[in-house]
Amino acid sequence: MKESDILLAASQMIRLHGIGASEAAAGRARSMLGQGDVEGFHTWKRIADAIHDLARQKPGPGETES
């Protein structure tokens, strides 16, 4: 899966799940692994990591963007 697709999926997960997006993606990764879908696991792990990265880029309450 291309990086642009990973970022798009991460953005969609954030819109759907808000602050729970990273955990939702991690849950899907675990589900894929439980089903023996290693490729699906790695895809959802990449999405979870991208969600985490996107969340770190946004300023938190009381912070300003640099």
Protein backbone atom coordinates (compact mmCIF):
# COMPACT_ATOMS: atom_id res chain seq x y z
CA MET A 1 0.00 0.00 0.00
CA LYS A 2 1.34 3.42 -0.95
CA GLU A 3 2.21 5.93 1.76
CA SER A 4 -0.42 8.33 0.42
CA ASP A 5 -3.07 5.61 0.89
CA ILE A 6 -1.85 4.99 4.45
CA LEU A 7 -2.15 8.70 5.26
CA LEU A 8 -5.62 8.86 3.69
CA ALA A 9 -6.76 5.86 5.74
CA ALA A 10 -5.25 7.42 8.89
CA SER A 11 -7.11 10.67 8.25
CA GLN A 12 -10.38 8.80 7.72
CA MET A 13 -9.88 6.84 10.93
CA ILE A 14 -9.30 10.10 12.83
CA ARG A 15 -12.52 11.54 11.40
CA LEU A 16 -14.47 8.39 12.29
CA HIS A 17 -12.98 7.61 15.71
CA GLY A 18 -11.50 10.88 16.97
CA ILE A 19 -9.06 10.37 19.82
CA GLY A 20 -9.73 6.61 19.71
CA ALA A 21 -8.49 6.28 16.13
CA SER A 22 -5.07 4.90 17.00
CA GLU A 23 -6.53 2.23 19.27
CA ALA A 24 -9.18 1.34 16.67
CA ALA A 25 -6.49 0.85 14.02
CA ALA A 26 -4.34 -1.16 16.44
CA GLY A 27 -7.38 -3.33 17.17
CA ARG A 28 -7.85 -3.99 13.48
CA ALA A 29 -4.16 -4.87 13.21
CA ARG A 30 -4.53 -7.39 16.05
CA SER A 31 -7.63 -8.81 14.40
CA MET A 32 -5.79 -9.28 11.11
CA LEU A 33 -2.95 -11.04 12.88
CA GLY A 34 -5.43 -13.26 14.73
CA GLN A 35 -6.89 -14.26 11.37
CA GLY A 36 -3.43 -15.09 10.05
CA ASP A 37 -3.40 -12.09 7.68
CA VAL A 38 0.15 -10.87 8.19
CA GLU A 39 -0.01 -8.40 5.29
CA GLY A 40 -3.24 -6.93 6.70
CA PHE A 41 -1.59 -6.71 10.12
CA HIS A 42 1.33 -4.71 8.70
CA THR A 43 -1.01 -2.40 6.77
CA TRP A 44 -3.10 -1.60 9.86
CA LYS A 45 0.06 -1.20 11.94
CA ARG A 46 1.28 1.39 9.43
CA ILE A 47 -2.09 3.16 9.63
CA ALA A 48 -1.95 3.17 13.45
CA ASP A 49 1.58 4.60 13.32
CA ALA A 50 0.46 7.28 10.83
CA ILE A 51 -2.44 8.24 13.11
CA HIS A 52 0.00 8.62 15.97
CA ASP A 53 2.30 10.77 13.82
CA LEU A 54 -0.57 12.98 12.63
CA ALA A 55 -1.79 13.46 16.19
CA ARG A 56 1.68 14.56 17.32
CA GLN A 57 1.77 17.21 14.59
CA LYS A 58 -1.35 18.98 15.88
CA PRO A 59 -0.86 21.35 18.81
CA GLY A 60 -2.48 20.32 22.04
CA PRO A 61 -4.53 22.57 24.30
CA GLY A 62 -2.47 25.63 25.24
CA GLU A 63 0.21 24.89 22.63
CA THR A 64 0.92 26.89 19.50
CA GLU A 65 1.94 25.65 16.09
CA SER A 66 5.56 26.26 15.15
